[in-house]
Amino acid sequence: DPQRPICKVGDFGLSRIKRNTLVSGGVRGTLPWMAPELLNGSSNRVSEKVDVFSFGITMWEILTGEEPYANLHCGAITG
């Protein structure tokens, strides 16, 4: 139906990977949507939980109309 828009969400880092994944090398992603465990280096294992976090941030933005952490400097986000 051309009258009905379709919303598509992308940029989920693990959308194609199943189970726990070992992270080696640099972490990549869009900073405000990245899970804390990716930012603080507390674990070299990540799971689908990081995508759940990103989805929650995306829902925040959709529901509030505001970008998360918009008033914070990158250093404050990664803190």
C-alpha atoms as a PDB file:
ATOM      1  CA  ASP A   1       0.000   0.000   0.000  1.00  0.00           C
ATOM      2  CA  PRO A   2       1.794   3.217  -1.141  1.00  0.00           C
ATOM      3  CA  GLN A   3      -0.219   5.279   1.364  1.00  0.00           C
ATOM      4  CA  ARG A   4       1.229   3.369   4.296  1.00  0.00           C
ATOM      5  CA  PRO A   5       4.901   4.064   5.091  1.00  0.00           C
ATOM      6  CA  ILE A   6       7.253   1.255   6.051  1.00  0.00           C
ATOM      7  CA  CYS A   7       9.755   1.753   8.860  1.00  0.00           C
ATOM      8  CA  LYS A   8      13.023  -0.165   8.616  1.00  0.00           C
ATOM      9  CA  VAL A   9      15.667  -0.174  11.344  1.00  0.00           C
ATOM     10  CA  GLY A  10      19.288  -0.967  10.541  1.00  0.00           C
ATOM     11  CA  ASP A  11      22.761  -0.686  12.091  1.00  0.00           C
ATOM     12  CA  PHE A  12      22.439  -3.617  14.472  1.00  0.00           C
ATOM     13  CA  GLY A  13      25.935  -5.028  14.717  1.00  0.00           C
ATOM     14  CA  LEU A  14      25.039  -8.635  15.501  1.00  0.00           C
ATOM     15  CA  SER A  15      21.874  -9.037  13.502  1.00  0.00           C
ATOM     16  CA  ARG A  16      23.375 -11.899  11.490  1.00  0.00           C
ATOM     17  CA  ILE A  17      25.514 -13.545  14.173  1.00  0.00           C
ATOM     18  CA  LYS A  18      24.135 -16.107  16.611  1.00  0.00           C
ATOM     19  CA  ARG A  19      25.378 -17.063  20.085  1.00  0.00           C
ATOM     20  CA  ASN A  20      28.208 -15.341  21.945  1.00  0.00           C
ATOM     21  CA  THR A  21      30.851 -13.721  19.813  1.00  0.00           C
ATOM     22  CA  LEU A  22      34.444 -12.959  20.701  1.00  0.00           C
ATOM     23  CA  VAL A  23      35.299  -9.352  19.958  1.00  0.00           C
ATOM     24  CA  SER A  24      38.805  -8.856  18.665  1.00  0.00           C
ATOM     25  CA  GLY A  25      40.239  -5.618  17.412  1.00  0.00           C
ATOM     26  CA  GLY A  26      38.378  -2.332  17.522  1.00  0.00           C
ATOM     27  CA  VAL A  27      34.762  -1.840  18.419  1.00  0.00           C
ATOM     28  CA  ARG A  28      32.608  -0.268  15.733  1.00  0.00           C
ATOM     29  CA  GLY A  29      29.173   1.231  15.920  1.00  0.00           C
ATOM     30  CA  THR A  30      27.142   4.361  16.386  1.00  0.00           C
ATOM     31  CA  LEU A  31      28.176   5.683  19.797  1.00  0.00           C
ATOM     32  CA  PRO A  32      24.847   6.641  21.438  1.00  0.00           C
ATOM     33  CA  TRP A  33      23.317   3.313  20.408  1.00  0.00           C
ATOM     34  CA  MET A  34      26.185   1.117  21.609  1.00  0.00           C
ATOM     35  CA  ALA A  35      25.748  -1.027  24.722  1.00  0.00           C
ATOM     36  CA  PRO A  36      27.863  -0.084  27.774  1.00  0.00           C
ATOM     37  CA  GLU A  37      29.819  -3.356  27.700  1.00  0.00           C
ATOM     38  CA  LEU A  38      31.114  -2.426  24.248  1.00  0.00           C
ATOM     39  CA  LEU A  39      32.138   1.045  25.373  1.00  0.00           C
ATOM     40  CA  ASN A  40      33.883   0.277  28.648  1.00  0.00           C
ATOM     41  CA  GLY A  41      35.723  -2.848  27.498  1.00  0.00           C
ATOM     42  CA  SER A  42      34.406  -4.831  30.475  1.00  0.00           C
ATOM     43  CA  SER A  43      34.003  -7.931  28.362  1.00  0.00           C
ATOM     44  CA  ASN A  44      35.463  -9.318  25.166  1.00  0.00           C
ATOM     45  CA  ARG A  45      32.303 -11.414  24.696  1.00  0.00           C
ATOM     46  CA  VAL A  46      29.132  -9.931  23.350  1.00  0.00           C
ATOM     47  CA  SER A  47      25.741 -11.421  22.593  1.00  0.00           C
ATOM     48  CA  GLU A  48      22.384 -10.422  21.206  1.00  0.00           C
ATOM     49  CA  LYS A  49      21.970  -8.318  24.363  1.00  0.00           C
ATOM     50  CA  VAL A  50      23.885  -5.481  22.712  1.00  0.00           C
ATOM     51  CA  ASP A  51      21.264  -5.394  19.960  1.00  0.00           C
ATOM     52  CA  VAL A  52      18.493  -5.349  22.566  1.00  0.00           C
ATOM     53  CA  PHE A  53      20.157  -2.295  24.131  1.00  0.00           C
ATOM     54  CA  SER A  54      20.392  -0.604  20.720  1.00  0.00           C
ATOM     55  CA  PHE A  55      16.754  -1.384  20.027  1.00  0.00           C
ATOM     56  CA  GLY A  56      15.773   0.172  23.361  1.00  0.00           C
ATOM     57  CA  ILE A  57      17.671   3.348  22.508  1.00  0.00           C
ATOM     58  CA  THR A  58      16.003   3.404  19.082  1.00  0.00           C
ATOM     59  CA  MET A  59      12.576   3.071  20.710  1.00  0.00           C
ATOM     60  CA  TRP A  60      13.495   5.899  23.103  1.00  0.00           C
ATOM     61  CA  GLU A  61      14.260   8.136  20.141  1.00  0.00           C
ATOM     62  CA  ILE A  62      11.063   7.177  18.302  1.00  0.00           C
ATOM     63  CA  LEU A  63       8.845   7.706  21.354  1.00  0.00           C
ATOM     64  CA  THR A  64      10.436  10.917  22.657  1.00  0.00           C
ATOM     65  CA  GLY A  65      11.530  12.481  19.383  1.00  0.00           C
ATOM     66  CA  GLU A  66      14.916  13.180  20.974  1.00  0.00           C
ATOM     67  CA  GLU A  67      18.322  11.711  20.221  1.00  0.00           C
ATOM     68  CA  PRO A  68      19.773   9.930  23.255  1.00  0.00           C
ATOM     69  CA  TYR A  69      22.640  11.707  24.971  1.00  0.00           C
ATOM     70  CA  ALA A  70      22.298  14.634  22.542  1.00  0.00           C
ATOM     71  CA  ASN A  71      23.636  17.117  25.079  1.00  0.00           C
ATOM     72  CA  LEU A  72      26.656  15.019  26.092  1.00  0.00           C
ATOM     73  CA  HIS A  73      30.170  15.068  24.652  1.00  0.00           C
ATOM     74  CA  CYS A  74      31.475  11.695  23.386  1.00  0.00           C
ATOM     75  CA  GLY A  75      33.846  11.457  26.347  1.00  0.00           C
ATOM     76  CA  ALA A  76      30.938  11.731  28.778  1.00  0.00           C
ATOM     77  CA  ILE A  77      29.086   8.916  27.021  1.00  0.00           C
ATOM     78  CA  THR A  78      32.042   6.532  27.100  1.00  0.00           C
ATOM     79  CA  GLY A  79      32.992   7.793  30.591  1.00  0.00           C
END
